[in-house]
Amino acid sequence: MHRLLGWHTKAGDLGLRLLQLHLLWLWWTLRGAVVLGVFPATAAVLAVVRRDAMRGDDDRDRLALRQEFGAFWRQELRPANGVGWTVTAVWAVLLLDRHLLAVVDLGLAGPVLAGLLWVVTAFAFVMTAALPALSAHFAEGPGALLRRGAALVVARPRQALLNAAVVGVVLCTYYVVPGLVPVFGVALPASVSFWYLWGSGLLAAPTTSPAPARAAAVAASR
């Protein structure tokens, strides 16, 4: 009975934590006029999740969490937008290519190109699913992060596929139960992705870590 109550308490605490992160994500996304705010806000969610994972706990002080989140958002304003809009441009090209293949008759080359595009799109999805966690853990530019994400898919396909599957399950759950979206939003898929990759050991001992800069940002916010 005590163990069951303990699980319920932990589940409730986790749900509240995710709700707080989602509300902060919404607020800071709006503060950046959405276009400039959504990617730094997402990066800030991952930064808090990363901090919690590395410390093995979380800060229950809501005021401290708001200050910390804001510090991460400001720190990630340029790098997160650089990565986010680069990935958005890649997906725009892929979607445009799919549209062109659907409306342009390429003859015998059409099915071959369509199959190739499916492979590239699947590769891009698996890589994109891992990029938020990689971006939170490694202080690198868009090009370096894209290369790291591609290397993860090629070198560790099982872990990369499982991570994409975990994110996909959350998104499917959102589709089936849309009421979860305004409660947990981006915080839930971001958290499960980071915790999975962290638990797999792929994020251990980064060669280039943003931790010192983020620690300074948090210290300055308090």
N, C-alpha and C. Protein backbone atom coordinates (compact mmCIF):
# COMPACT_ATOMS: atom_id res chain seq x y z
N MET A 1 0.82 -1.20 0.00
CA MET A 1 0.00 0.00 0.00
C MET A 1 0.86 1.26 0.00
N HIS A 2 1.89 1.26 0.86
CA HIS A 2 2.77 2.43 0.93
C HIS A 2 3.51 2.63 -0.40
N ARG A 3 3.91 1.51 -1.01
CA ARG A 3 4.60 1.62 -2.29
C ARG A 3 3.66 2.19 -3.36
N LEU A 4 2.41 1.74 -3.34
CA LEU A 4 1.43 2.24 -4.32
C LEU A 4 1.18 3.73 -4.11
N LEU A 5 1.05 4.14 -2.86
CA LEU A 5 0.87 5.55 -2.57
C LEU A 5 2.08 6.36 -3.00
N GLY A 6 3.27 5.77 -2.82
CA GLY A 6 4.49 6.45 -3.25
C GLY A 6 4.52 6.66 -4.75
N TRP A 7 4.08 5.63 -5.50
CA TRP A 7 4.03 5.75 -6.97
C TRP A 7 3.04 6.84 -7.38
N HIS A 8 1.88 6.89 -6.70
CA HIS A 8 0.88 7.90 -7.02
C HIS A 8 1.41 9.29 -6.73
N THR A 9 2.13 9.41 -5.63
CA THR A 9 2.70 10.72 -5.28
C THR A 9 3.73 11.17 -6.30
N LYS A 10 4.59 10.24 -6.72
CA LYS A 10 5.60 10.57 -7.71
C LYS A 10 4.96 10.92 -9.05
N ALA A 11 3.92 10.17 -9.43
CA ALA A 11 3.22 10.46 -10.68
C ALA A 11 2.57 11.83 -10.63
N GLY A 12 1.98 12.17 -9.48
CA GLY A 12 1.37 13.49 -9.33
C GLY A 12 2.39 14.61 -9.38
N ASP A 13 3.53 14.39 -8.72
CA ASP A 13 4.60 15.39 -8.75
C ASP A 13 5.14 15.58 -10.17
N LEU A 14 5.30 14.46 -10.88
CA LEU A 14 5.80 14.55 -12.25
C LEU A 14 4.80 15.27 -13.15
N GLY A 15 3.51 14.96 -13.00
CA GLY A 15 2.49 15.63 -13.79
C GLY A 15 2.46 17.12 -13.53
N LEU A 16 2.59 17.51 -12.25
CA LEU A 16 2.62 18.93 -11.91
C LEU A 16 3.85 19.61 -12.49
N ARG A 17 4.97 18.91 -12.44
CA ARG A 17 6.22 19.46 -12.99
C ARG A 17 6.07 19.71 -14.50
N LEU A 18 5.52 18.73 -15.21
CA LEU A 18 5.34 18.87 -16.65
C LEU A 18 4.35 19.99 -16.97
N LEU A 19 3.30 20.12 -16.17
CA LEU A 19 2.34 21.20 -16.37
C LEU A 19 3.01 22.56 -16.19
N GLN A 20 3.83 22.69 -15.15
CA GLN A 20 4.54 23.95 -14.92
C GLN A 20 5.46 24.28 -16.09
N LEU A 21 6.18 23.28 -16.58
CA LEU A 21 7.07 23.51 -17.71
C LEU A 21 6.29 23.89 -18.97
N HIS A 22 5.14 23.24 -19.17
CA HIS A 22 4.33 23.57 -20.34
C HIS A 22 3.80 25.00 -20.27
N LEU A 23 3.33 25.42 -19.10
CA LEU A 23 2.84 26.79 -18.95
C LEU A 23 3.96 27.81 -19.17
N LEU A 24 5.15 27.50 -18.65
CA LEU A 24 6.30 28.39 -18.89
C LEU A 24 6.65 28.39 -20.37
N TRP A 25 6.57 27.25 -21.03
CA TRP A 25 6.83 27.19 -22.47
C TRP A 25 5.87 28.09 -23.24
N LEU A 26 4.59 28.04 -22.88
CA LEU A 26 3.60 28.88 -23.54
C LEU A 26 3.90 30.36 -23.33
N TRP A 27 4.21 30.72 -22.09
CA TRP A 27 4.45 32.12 -21.77
C TRP A 27 5.66 32.68 -22.51
N TRP A 28 6.76 31.93 -22.49
CA TRP A 28 7.99 32.43 -23.13
C TRP A 28 7.93 32.31 -24.65
N THR A 29 7.12 31.39 -25.16
CA THR A 29 6.88 31.36 -26.61
C THR A 29 6.16 32.63 -27.04
N LEU A 30 5.15 33.03 -26.28
CA LEU A 30 4.42 34.26 -26.60
C LEU A 30 5.30 35.49 -26.42
N ARG A 31 6.18 35.47 -25.43
CA ARG A 31 7.08 36.61 -25.22
C ARG A 31 8.02 36.81 -26.39
N GLY A 32 8.32 35.74 -27.08
CA GLY A 32 9.16 35.84 -28.27
C GLY A 32 8.35 35.98 -29.53
N ALA A 33 7.06 36.38 -29.41
CA ALA A 33 6.18 36.55 -30.56
C ALA A 33 6.07 35.27 -31.38
N VAL A 34 6.16 34.13 -30.72
CA VAL A 34 6.05 32.78 -31.29
C VAL A 34 7.21 32.49 -32.23
N VAL A 35 7.40 33.32 -33.25
CA VAL A 35 8.42 33.06 -34.26
C VAL A 35 9.81 32.98 -33.65
N LEU A 36 10.12 33.89 -32.75
CA LEU A 36 11.43 33.90 -32.10
C LEU A 36 11.41 33.26 -30.72
N GLY A 37 10.23 32.87 -30.25
CA GLY A 37 10.14 32.36 -28.89
C GLY A 37 9.99 30.87 -28.75
N VAL A 38 9.43 30.20 -29.80
CA VAL A 38 9.09 28.79 -29.64
C VAL A 38 10.31 27.91 -29.49
N PHE A 39 11.36 28.15 -30.27
CA PHE A 39 12.54 27.29 -30.18
C PHE A 39 13.35 27.53 -28.89
N PRO A 40 13.58 28.79 -28.46
CA PRO A 40 14.24 28.98 -27.17
C PRO A 40 13.43 28.43 -26.00
N ALA A 41 12.09 28.54 -26.08
CA ALA A 41 11.26 28.00 -25.00
C ALA A 41 11.37 26.48 -24.94
N THR A 42 11.40 25.85 -26.10
CA THR A 42 11.58 24.39 -26.13
C THR A 42 12.95 24.00 -25.59
N ALA A 43 13.98 24.77 -25.97
CA ALA A 43 15.32 24.50 -25.46
C ALA A 43 15.37 24.70 -23.94
N ALA A 44 14.64 25.67 -23.42
CA ALA A 44 14.62 25.90 -21.98
C ALA A 44 13.96 24.73 -21.25
N VAL A 45 12.89 24.16 -21.84
CA VAL A 45 12.27 22.96 -21.26
C VAL A 45 13.30 21.84 -21.14
N LEU A 46 14.03 21.61 -22.23
CA LEU A 46 15.04 20.54 -22.22
C LEU A 46 16.16 20.85 -21.23
N ALA A 47 16.52 22.12 -21.09
CA ALA A 47 17.58 22.50 -20.16
C ALA A 47 17.18 22.19 -18.72
N VAL A 48 15.93 22.45 -18.37
CA VAL A 48 15.44 22.14 -17.02
C VAL A 48 15.40 20.62 -16.82
N VAL A 49 14.90 19.90 -17.83
CA VAL A 49 14.85 18.43 -17.74
C VAL A 49 16.25 17.87 -17.59
N ARG A 50 17.19 18.40 -18.34
CA ARG A 50 18.59 17.95 -18.25
C ARG A 50 19.15 18.21 -16.86
N ARG A 51 18.87 19.39 -16.32
CA ARG A 51 19.35 19.72 -14.97
C ARG A 51 18.78 18.74 -13.96
N ASP A 52 17.48 18.45 -14.08
CA ASP A 52 16.85 17.52 -13.15
C ASP A 52 17.46 16.13 -13.26
N ALA A 53 17.72 15.69 -14.51
CA ALA A 53 18.28 14.35 -14.72
C ALA A 53 19.68 14.24 -14.16
N MET A 54 20.48 15.26 -14.35
CA MET A 54 21.87 15.20 -13.90
C MET A 54 21.98 15.33 -12.39
N ARG A 55 21.06 16.07 -11.78
CA ARG A 55 21.08 16.22 -10.33
C ARG A 55 20.31 15.12 -9.62
N GLY A 56 19.42 14.47 -10.36
CA GLY A 56 18.63 13.40 -9.75
C GLY A 56 17.47 13.90 -8.93
N ASP A 57 17.13 15.18 -9.08
CA ASP A 57 15.98 15.72 -8.34
C ASP A 57 15.42 16.90 -9.13
N ASP A 58 14.49 17.60 -8.54
CA ASP A 58 13.98 18.80 -9.18
C ASP A 58 13.65 19.83 -8.11
N ASP A 59 13.64 21.07 -8.51
CA ASP A 59 13.42 22.19 -7.61
C ASP A 59 11.92 22.44 -7.49
N ARG A 60 11.39 22.34 -6.32
CA ARG A 60 9.95 22.52 -6.12
C ARG A 60 9.58 23.99 -5.98
N ASP A 61 10.54 24.88 -5.91
CA ASP A 61 10.28 26.30 -5.77
C ASP A 61 9.84 26.85 -7.12
N ARG A 62 8.55 27.22 -7.25
CA ARG A 62 8.04 27.66 -8.54
C ARG A 62 8.67 28.98 -8.98
N LEU A 63 8.95 29.87 -8.02
CA LEU A 63 9.59 31.13 -8.38
C LEU A 63 10.99 30.88 -8.93
N ALA A 64 11.75 30.00 -8.27
CA ALA A 64 13.09 29.66 -8.76
C ALA A 64 13.01 29.01 -10.13
N LEU A 65 12.01 28.18 -10.36
CA LEU A 65 11.85 27.54 -11.66
C LEU A 65 11.57 28.57 -12.74
N ARG A 66 10.72 29.54 -12.45
CA ARG A 66 10.43 30.59 -13.43
C ARG A 66 11.69 31.39 -13.76
N GLN A 67 12.46 31.73 -12.74
CA GLN A 67 13.69 32.49 -12.96
C GLN A 67 14.69 31.68 -13.78
N GLU A 68 14.82 30.42 -13.44
CA GLU A 68 15.74 29.54 -14.15
C GLU A 68 15.31 29.37 -15.61
N PHE A 69 14.02 29.17 -15.82
CA PHE A 69 13.51 28.99 -17.17
C PHE A 69 13.78 30.24 -18.01
N GLY A 70 13.53 31.40 -17.43
CA GLY A 70 13.79 32.65 -18.15
C GLY A 70 15.26 32.82 -18.49
N ALA A 71 16.14 32.42 -17.57
CA ALA A 71 17.58 32.51 -17.84
C ALA A 71 17.99 31.60 -18.98
N PHE A 72 17.45 30.39 -18.98
CA PHE A 72 17.74 29.46 -20.08
C PHE A 72 17.20 30.00 -21.41
N TRP A 73 15.99 30.57 -21.38
CA TRP A 73 15.39 31.10 -22.61
C TRP A 73 16.26 32.18 -23.22
N ARG A 74 16.71 33.11 -22.39
CA ARG A 74 17.55 34.20 -22.90
C ARG A 74 18.88 33.66 -23.44
N GLN A 75 19.43 32.68 -22.74
CA GLN A 75 20.70 32.11 -23.17
C GLN A 75 20.57 31.38 -24.50
N GLU A 76 19.42 30.74 -24.71
CA GLU A 76 19.21 29.92 -25.91
C GLU A 76 18.57 30.69 -27.05
N LEU A 77 18.34 31.98 -26.89
CA LEU A 77 17.60 32.75 -27.89
C LEU A 77 18.22 32.62 -29.28
N ARG A 78 19.50 32.85 -29.40
CA ARG A 78 20.14 32.76 -30.72
C ARG A 78 20.45 31.32 -31.14
N PRO A 79 21.13 30.52 -30.30
CA PRO A 79 21.46 29.15 -30.75
C PRO A 79 20.24 28.29 -31.03
N ALA A 80 19.20 28.38 -30.21
CA ALA A 80 18.01 27.55 -30.42
C ALA A 80 17.29 27.96 -31.70
N ASN A 81 17.22 29.26 -31.97
CA ASN A 81 16.59 29.70 -33.21
C ASN A 81 17.43 29.28 -34.42
N GLY A 82 18.75 29.29 -34.27
CA GLY A 82 19.60 28.83 -35.37
C GLY A 82 19.35 27.39 -35.71
N VAL A 83 19.32 26.53 -34.69
CA VAL A 83 19.06 25.10 -34.91
C VAL A 83 17.63 24.88 -35.39
N GLY A 84 16.68 25.51 -34.71
CA GLY A 84 15.27 25.27 -35.01
C GLY A 84 14.89 25.67 -36.42
N TRP A 85 15.33 26.83 -36.85
CA TRP A 85 14.95 27.29 -38.18
C TRP A 85 15.73 26.56 -39.27
N THR A 86 16.92 26.08 -38.94
CA THR A 86 17.65 25.26 -39.91
C THR A 86 16.91 23.94 -40.15
N VAL A 87 16.46 23.30 -39.07
CA VAL A 87 15.71 22.05 -39.21
C VAL A 87 14.37 22.32 -39.90
N THR A 88 13.74 23.44 -39.59
CA THR A 88 12.48 23.79 -40.26
C THR A 88 12.69 23.93 -41.76
N ALA A 89 13.80 24.56 -42.15
CA ALA A 89 14.10 24.71 -43.58
C ALA A 89 14.30 23.36 -44.25
N VAL A 90 14.98 22.44 -43.56
CA VAL A 90 15.19 21.09 -44.10
C VAL A 90 13.84 20.41 -44.34
N TRP A 91 12.94 20.51 -43.36
CA TRP A 91 11.62 19.88 -43.50
C TRP A 91 10.79 20.56 -44.58
N ALA A 92 10.95 21.86 -44.73
CA ALA A 92 10.23 22.56 -45.79
C ALA A 92 10.65 22.04 -47.17
N VAL A 93 11.95 21.80 -47.34
CA VAL A 93 12.45 21.25 -48.60
C VAL A 93 11.90 19.85 -48.83
N LEU A 94 11.90 19.01 -47.79
CA LEU A 94 11.37 17.65 -47.93
C LEU A 94 9.89 17.65 -48.30
N LEU A 95 9.12 18.50 -47.64
CA LEU A 95 7.69 18.56 -47.93
C LEU A 95 7.43 19.11 -49.34
N LEU A 96 8.24 20.09 -49.74
CA LEU A 96 8.11 20.61 -51.10
C LEU A 96 8.43 19.53 -52.13
N ASP A 97 9.46 18.74 -51.86
CA ASP A 97 9.82 17.65 -52.77
C ASP A 97 8.68 16.63 -52.87
N ARG A 98 8.06 16.32 -51.74
CA ARG A 98 6.93 15.38 -51.75
C ARG A 98 5.78 15.94 -52.58
N HIS A 99 5.53 17.24 -52.46
CA HIS A 99 4.46 17.85 -53.23
C HIS A 99 4.77 17.81 -54.73
N LEU A 100 6.01 18.10 -55.08
CA LEU A 100 6.39 18.10 -56.49
C LEU A 100 6.28 16.70 -57.09
N LEU A 101 6.69 15.68 -56.32
CA LEU A 101 6.57 14.31 -56.81
C LEU A 101 5.11 13.89 -57.00
N ALA A 102 4.22 14.49 -56.21
CA ALA A 102 2.80 14.14 -56.31
C ALA A 102 2.14 14.79 -57.52
N VAL A 103 2.65 15.94 -57.98
CA VAL A 103 1.97 16.68 -59.04
C VAL A 103 2.72 16.64 -60.38
N VAL A 104 3.98 16.24 -60.36
CA VAL A 104 4.78 16.21 -61.59
C VAL A 104 4.98 14.77 -62.03
N ASP A 105 4.72 14.50 -63.28
CA ASP A 105 4.90 13.15 -63.82
C ASP A 105 6.36 12.98 -64.25
N LEU A 106 7.08 12.13 -63.54
CA LEU A 106 8.49 11.90 -63.84
C LEU A 106 8.72 10.56 -64.53
N GLY A 107 7.65 9.92 -64.92
CA GLY A 107 7.78 8.66 -65.61
C GLY A 107 8.29 7.55 -64.71
N LEU A 108 9.20 6.74 -65.26
CA LEU A 108 9.75 5.62 -64.50
C LEU A 108 10.58 6.07 -63.30
N ALA A 109 11.12 7.29 -63.37
CA ALA A 109 11.94 7.78 -62.25
C ALA A 109 11.09 8.16 -61.04
N GLY A 110 9.78 8.38 -61.25
CA GLY A 110 8.91 8.81 -60.16
C GLY A 110 8.88 7.86 -58.98
N PRO A 111 8.57 6.57 -59.19
CA PRO A 111 8.54 5.64 -58.05
C PRO A 111 9.89 5.51 -57.34
N VAL A 112 10.97 5.55 -58.11
CA VAL A 112 12.30 5.44 -57.51
C VAL A 112 12.57 6.64 -56.61
N LEU A 113 12.30 7.84 -57.13
CA LEU A 113 12.51 9.05 -56.34
C LEU A 113 11.57 9.10 -55.13
N ALA A 114 10.34 8.62 -55.30
CA ALA A 114 9.39 8.60 -54.18
C ALA A 114 9.89 7.68 -53.07
N GLY A 115 10.40 6.50 -53.46
CA GLY A 115 10.95 5.59 -52.45
C GLY A 115 12.15 6.17 -51.74
N LEU A 116 13.02 6.81 -52.51
CA LEU A 116 14.19 7.45 -51.92
C LEU A 116 13.79 8.56 -50.96
N LEU A 117 12.76 9.33 -51.35
CA LEU A 117 12.30 10.42 -50.49
C LEU A 117 11.71 9.89 -49.20
N TRP A 118 11.02 8.74 -49.25
CA TRP A 118 10.50 8.13 -48.03
C TRP A 118 11.63 7.75 -47.08
N VAL A 119 12.70 7.20 -47.62
CA VAL A 119 13.84 6.83 -46.79
C VAL A 119 14.46 8.07 -46.15
N VAL A 120 14.66 9.12 -46.95
CA VAL A 120 15.24 10.36 -46.44
C VAL A 120 14.34 10.99 -45.39
N THR A 121 13.01 10.95 -45.62
CA THR A 121 12.07 11.53 -44.65
C THR A 121 12.09 10.76 -43.34
N ALA A 122 12.13 9.43 -43.42
CA ALA A 122 12.19 8.62 -42.20
C ALA A 122 13.48 8.90 -41.43
N PHE A 123 14.60 9.00 -42.16
CA PHE A 123 15.88 9.32 -41.54
C PHE A 123 15.80 10.68 -40.85
N ALA A 124 15.19 11.66 -41.54
CA ALA A 124 15.08 13.01 -40.98
C ALA A 124 14.22 13.02 -39.73
N PHE A 125 13.14 12.21 -39.72
CA PHE A 125 12.28 12.17 -38.53
C PHE A 125 13.01 11.59 -37.34
N VAL A 126 13.70 10.48 -37.55
CA VAL A 126 14.44 9.85 -36.45
C VAL A 126 15.51 10.80 -35.92
N MET A 127 16.20 11.49 -36.83
CA MET A 127 17.23 12.43 -36.40
C MET A 127 16.63 13.63 -35.69
N THR A 128 15.52 14.15 -36.22
CA THR A 128 14.88 15.32 -35.61
C THR A 128 14.37 15.01 -34.21
N ALA A 129 13.88 13.79 -34.00
CA ALA A 129 13.37 13.41 -32.68
C ALA A 129 14.46 13.46 -31.62
N ALA A 130 15.71 13.23 -32.03
CA ALA A 130 16.82 13.24 -31.06
C ALA A 130 17.47 14.61 -30.91
N LEU A 131 17.25 15.51 -31.86
CA LEU A 131 17.96 16.79 -31.86
C LEU A 131 17.70 17.65 -30.62
N PRO A 132 16.45 17.76 -30.11
CA PRO A 132 16.25 18.58 -28.92
C PRO A 132 17.11 18.15 -27.73
N ALA A 133 17.17 16.84 -27.47
CA ALA A 133 17.99 16.35 -26.37
C ALA A 133 19.47 16.59 -26.63
N LEU A 134 19.92 16.37 -27.87
CA LEU A 134 21.31 16.61 -28.21
C LEU A 134 21.65 18.09 -28.09
N SER A 135 20.73 18.95 -28.53
CA SER A 135 20.96 20.38 -28.44
C SER A 135 21.06 20.85 -27.00
N ALA A 136 20.27 20.23 -26.11
CA ALA A 136 20.32 20.60 -24.69
C ALA A 136 21.61 20.15 -24.03
N HIS A 137 22.21 19.09 -24.55
CA HIS A 137 23.36 18.49 -23.88
C HIS A 137 24.70 18.93 -24.46
N PHE A 138 24.71 19.35 -25.72
CA PHE A 138 25.96 19.73 -26.38
C PHE A 138 25.86 21.16 -26.90
N ALA A 139 26.81 21.99 -26.49
CA ALA A 139 26.83 23.39 -26.91
C ALA A 139 27.51 23.49 -28.27
N GLU A 140 26.73 23.26 -29.33
CA GLU A 140 27.27 23.27 -30.69
C GLU A 140 26.33 24.04 -31.60
N GLY A 141 26.86 24.46 -32.75
CA GLY A 141 26.08 25.17 -33.73
C GLY A 141 25.17 24.24 -34.51
N PRO A 142 24.30 24.82 -35.36
CA PRO A 142 23.34 24.00 -36.13
C PRO A 142 24.01 22.92 -36.96
N GLY A 143 25.08 23.27 -37.67
CA GLY A 143 25.75 22.29 -38.53
C GLY A 143 26.31 21.13 -37.74
N ALA A 144 26.98 21.43 -36.62
CA ALA A 144 27.58 20.38 -35.80
C ALA A 144 26.50 19.49 -35.18
N LEU A 145 25.37 20.09 -34.75
CA LEU A 145 24.30 19.29 -34.16
C LEU A 145 23.64 18.40 -35.19
N LEU A 146 23.46 18.91 -36.41
CA LEU A 146 22.88 18.07 -37.47
C LEU A 146 23.79 16.89 -37.77
N ARG A 147 25.10 17.15 -37.80
CA ARG A 147 26.04 16.05 -38.04
C ARG A 147 26.01 15.06 -36.89
N ARG A 148 25.91 15.56 -35.65
CA ARG A 148 25.85 14.66 -34.49
C ARG A 148 24.56 13.83 -34.53
N GLY A 149 23.44 14.46 -34.90
CA GLY A 149 22.19 13.73 -35.00
C GLY A 149 22.24 12.66 -36.08
N ALA A 150 22.83 13.00 -37.24
CA ALA A 150 22.96 12.01 -38.31
C ALA A 150 23.88 10.88 -37.88
N ALA A 151 24.97 11.22 -37.19
CA ALA A 151 25.90 10.18 -36.72
C ALA A 151 25.22 9.26 -35.71
N LEU A 152 24.34 9.82 -34.88
CA LEU A 152 23.61 8.99 -33.91
C LEU A 152 22.73 7.97 -34.64
N VAL A 153 22.02 8.41 -35.68
CA VAL A 153 21.14 7.50 -36.42
C VAL A 153 21.95 6.40 -37.10
N VAL A 154 23.12 6.76 -37.65
CA VAL A 154 23.93 5.79 -38.38
C VAL A 154 24.66 4.85 -37.42
N ALA A 155 25.25 5.42 -36.36
CA ALA A 155 26.09 4.62 -35.46
C ALA A 155 25.28 3.85 -34.42
N ARG A 156 24.16 4.45 -33.97
CA ARG A 156 23.32 3.80 -32.96
C ARG A 156 21.87 3.73 -33.45
N PRO A 157 21.61 3.00 -34.52
CA PRO A 157 20.26 3.00 -35.09
C PRO A 157 19.19 2.49 -34.14
N ARG A 158 19.53 1.49 -33.32
CA ARG A 158 18.52 0.94 -32.40
C ARG A 158 18.07 1.99 -31.40
N GLN A 159 19.04 2.66 -30.77
CA GLN A 159 18.69 3.68 -29.79
C GLN A 159 17.96 4.86 -30.44
N ALA A 160 18.42 5.24 -31.64
CA ALA A 160 17.78 6.36 -32.33
C ALA A 160 16.34 6.01 -32.71
N LEU A 161 16.12 4.78 -33.19
CA LEU A 161 14.77 4.36 -33.56
C LEU A 161 13.86 4.25 -32.34
N LEU A 162 14.39 3.73 -31.24
CA LEU A 162 13.58 3.62 -30.03
C LEU A 162 13.22 5.00 -29.50
N ASN A 163 14.16 5.94 -29.57
CA ASN A 163 13.86 7.30 -29.14
C ASN A 163 12.76 7.90 -30.00
N ALA A 164 12.85 7.72 -31.33
CA ALA A 164 11.81 8.22 -32.22
C ALA A 164 10.47 7.53 -31.92
N ALA A 165 10.51 6.24 -31.60
CA ALA A 165 9.29 5.50 -31.28
C ALA A 165 8.65 6.04 -30.01
N VAL A 166 9.49 6.35 -29.01
CA VAL A 166 8.97 6.91 -27.76
C VAL A 166 8.27 8.24 -28.03
N VAL A 167 8.93 9.10 -28.79
CA VAL A 167 8.31 10.39 -29.13
C VAL A 167 7.04 10.17 -29.95
N GLY A 168 7.09 9.21 -30.88
CA GLY A 168 5.92 8.91 -31.70
C GLY A 168 4.74 8.42 -30.87
N VAL A 169 5.01 7.60 -29.85
CA VAL A 169 3.94 7.11 -28.98
C VAL A 169 3.27 8.27 -28.25
N VAL A 170 4.07 9.22 -27.77
CA VAL A 170 3.50 10.39 -27.09
C VAL A 170 2.64 11.19 -28.05
N LEU A 171 3.12 11.40 -29.27
CA LEU A 171 2.35 12.16 -30.25
C LEU A 171 1.06 11.44 -30.62
N CYS A 172 1.13 10.11 -30.75
CA CYS A 172 -0.08 9.33 -31.03
C CYS A 172 -1.07 9.41 -29.87
N THR A 173 -0.54 9.40 -28.65
CA THR A 173 -1.39 9.55 -27.47
C THR A 173 -2.07 10.91 -27.48
N TYR A 174 -1.34 11.94 -27.87
CA TYR A 174 -1.94 13.27 -28.00
C TYR A 174 -3.07 13.26 -29.03
N TYR A 175 -2.88 12.51 -30.11
CA TYR A 175 -3.90 12.44 -31.16
C TYR A 175 -5.16 11.74 -30.64
N VAL A 176 -4.95 10.67 -29.87
CA VAL A 176 -6.09 9.91 -29.34
C VAL A 176 -6.76 10.66 -28.19
N VAL A 177 -5.95 11.30 -27.35
CA VAL A 177 -6.48 12.05 -26.20
C VAL A 177 -6.01 13.50 -26.34
N PRO A 178 -6.64 14.30 -27.19
CA PRO A 178 -6.18 15.67 -27.44
C PRO A 178 -6.21 16.57 -26.20
N GLY A 179 -6.97 16.16 -25.19
CA GLY A 179 -7.02 16.96 -23.97
C GLY A 179 -5.70 17.01 -23.23
N LEU A 180 -4.79 16.07 -23.55
CA LEU A 180 -3.48 16.09 -22.90
C LEU A 180 -2.57 17.19 -23.45
N VAL A 181 -2.86 17.64 -24.67
CA VAL A 181 -1.98 18.63 -25.31
C VAL A 181 -1.91 19.94 -24.52
N PRO A 182 -3.06 20.54 -24.14
CA PRO A 182 -2.96 21.79 -23.38
C PRO A 182 -2.44 21.62 -21.96
N VAL A 183 -2.34 20.37 -21.49
CA VAL A 183 -1.84 20.13 -20.13
C VAL A 183 -0.33 19.91 -20.12
N PHE A 184 0.16 19.07 -21.04
CA PHE A 184 1.57 18.72 -21.04
C PHE A 184 2.35 19.29 -22.22
N GLY A 185 1.69 19.47 -23.37
CA GLY A 185 2.32 20.09 -24.52
C GLY A 185 3.66 19.48 -24.89
N VAL A 186 4.63 20.34 -25.16
CA VAL A 186 5.95 19.89 -25.59
C VAL A 186 6.76 19.30 -24.45
N ALA A 187 6.35 19.57 -23.20
CA ALA A 187 7.14 19.13 -22.05
C ALA A 187 7.20 17.61 -21.95
N LEU A 188 6.11 16.91 -22.25
CA LEU A 188 6.09 15.45 -22.12
C LEU A 188 6.99 14.75 -23.14
N PRO A 189 6.83 15.01 -24.47
CA PRO A 189 7.75 14.34 -25.40
C PRO A 189 9.20 14.73 -25.20
N ALA A 190 9.46 15.99 -24.83
CA ALA A 190 10.83 16.41 -24.58
C ALA A 190 11.42 15.65 -23.40
N SER A 191 10.63 15.48 -22.35
CA SER A 191 11.12 14.80 -21.15
C SER A 191 11.39 13.32 -21.41
N VAL A 192 10.45 12.64 -22.05
CA VAL A 192 10.65 11.20 -22.26
C VAL A 192 11.82 10.96 -23.21
N SER A 193 12.00 11.84 -24.20
CA SER A 193 13.12 11.68 -25.12
C SER A 193 14.45 11.85 -24.39
N PHE A 194 14.56 12.91 -23.60
CA PHE A 194 15.82 13.14 -22.91
C PHE A 194 16.09 12.03 -21.90
N TRP A 195 15.08 11.63 -21.13
CA TRP A 195 15.29 10.60 -20.13
C TRP A 195 15.68 9.28 -20.78
N TYR A 196 15.10 8.98 -21.94
CA TYR A 196 15.49 7.73 -22.61
C TYR A 196 16.94 7.80 -23.07
N LEU A 197 17.32 8.88 -23.76
CA LEU A 197 18.69 8.99 -24.25
C LEU A 197 19.68 9.08 -23.11
N TRP A 198 19.29 9.75 -22.02
CA TRP A 198 20.17 9.82 -20.86
C TRP A 198 20.35 8.44 -20.24
N GLY A 199 19.25 7.71 -20.10
CA GLY A 199 19.34 6.38 -19.52
C GLY A 199 20.10 5.39 -20.40
N SER A 200 20.11 5.63 -21.72
CA SER A 200 20.82 4.74 -22.63
C SER A 200 22.33 4.93 -22.57
N GLY A 201 22.78 6.00 -21.93
CA GLY A 201 24.21 6.28 -21.84
C GLY A 201 24.77 7.09 -22.99
N LEU A 202 23.94 7.44 -23.97
CA LEU A 202 24.43 8.18 -25.13
C LEU A 202 24.78 9.62 -24.81
N LEU A 203 24.25 10.15 -23.69
CA LEU A 203 24.51 11.54 -23.34
C LEU A 203 25.50 11.66 -22.18
N ALA A 204 26.12 10.58 -21.81
CA ALA A 204 27.05 10.62 -20.69
C ALA A 204 28.34 11.31 -21.08
N ALA A 205 28.88 12.07 -20.16
CA ALA A 205 30.20 12.70 -20.31
C ALA A 205 30.37 13.38 -21.66
N PRO A 206 29.60 14.46 -21.93
CA PRO A 206 29.72 15.13 -23.21
C PRO A 206 31.08 15.77 -23.37
N THR A 207 31.63 15.73 -24.59
CA THR A 207 32.91 16.37 -24.86
C THR A 207 32.78 17.87 -24.87
N THR A 208 31.59 18.35 -25.27
CA THR A 208 31.32 19.77 -25.26
C THR A 208 29.98 19.96 -24.57
N SER A 209 30.01 20.48 -23.35
CA SER A 209 28.78 20.57 -22.58
C SER A 209 28.43 22.01 -22.28
N PRO A 210 27.13 22.37 -22.35
CA PRO A 210 26.71 23.72 -22.01
C PRO A 210 26.52 23.92 -20.52
N ALA A 211 26.84 22.91 -19.71
CA ALA A 211 26.57 22.99 -18.29
C ALA A 211 27.20 24.21 -17.61
N PRO A 212 28.49 24.56 -17.84
CA PRO A 212 29.07 25.72 -17.16
C PRO A 212 28.33 27.00 -17.49
N ALA A 213 28.01 27.21 -18.77
CA ALA A 213 27.30 28.43 -19.15
C ALA A 213 25.91 28.47 -18.52
N ARG A 214 25.25 27.33 -18.49
CA ARG A 214 23.91 27.29 -17.93
C ARG A 214 23.96 27.48 -16.42
N ALA A 215 24.96 26.93 -15.78
CA ALA A 215 25.11 27.14 -14.34
C ALA A 215 25.29 28.62 -14.04
N ALA A 216 26.07 29.31 -14.89
CA ALA A 216 26.27 30.75 -14.70
C ALA A 216 24.99 31.50 -14.91
N ALA A 217 24.21 31.07 -15.92
CA ALA A 217 22.93 31.74 -16.18
C ALA A 217 21.97 31.57 -15.03
N VAL A 218 21.91 30.37 -14.47
CA VAL A 218 21.04 30.12 -13.33
C VAL A 218 21.47 30.92 -12.12
N ALA A 219 22.78 30.95 -11.89
CA ALA A 219 23.28 31.71 -10.74
C ALA A 219 22.96 33.18 -10.88
N ALA A 220 23.05 33.70 -12.11
CA ALA A 220 22.78 35.12 -12.31
C ALA A 220 21.30 35.45 -12.12
N SER A 221 20.43 34.42 -12.34
CA SER A 221 19.00 34.68 -12.24
C SER A 221 18.49 34.67 -10.81
N ARG A 222 19.32 34.16 -9.89
CA ARG A 222 18.85 34.01 -8.50
C ARG A 222 19.41 35.11 -7.60
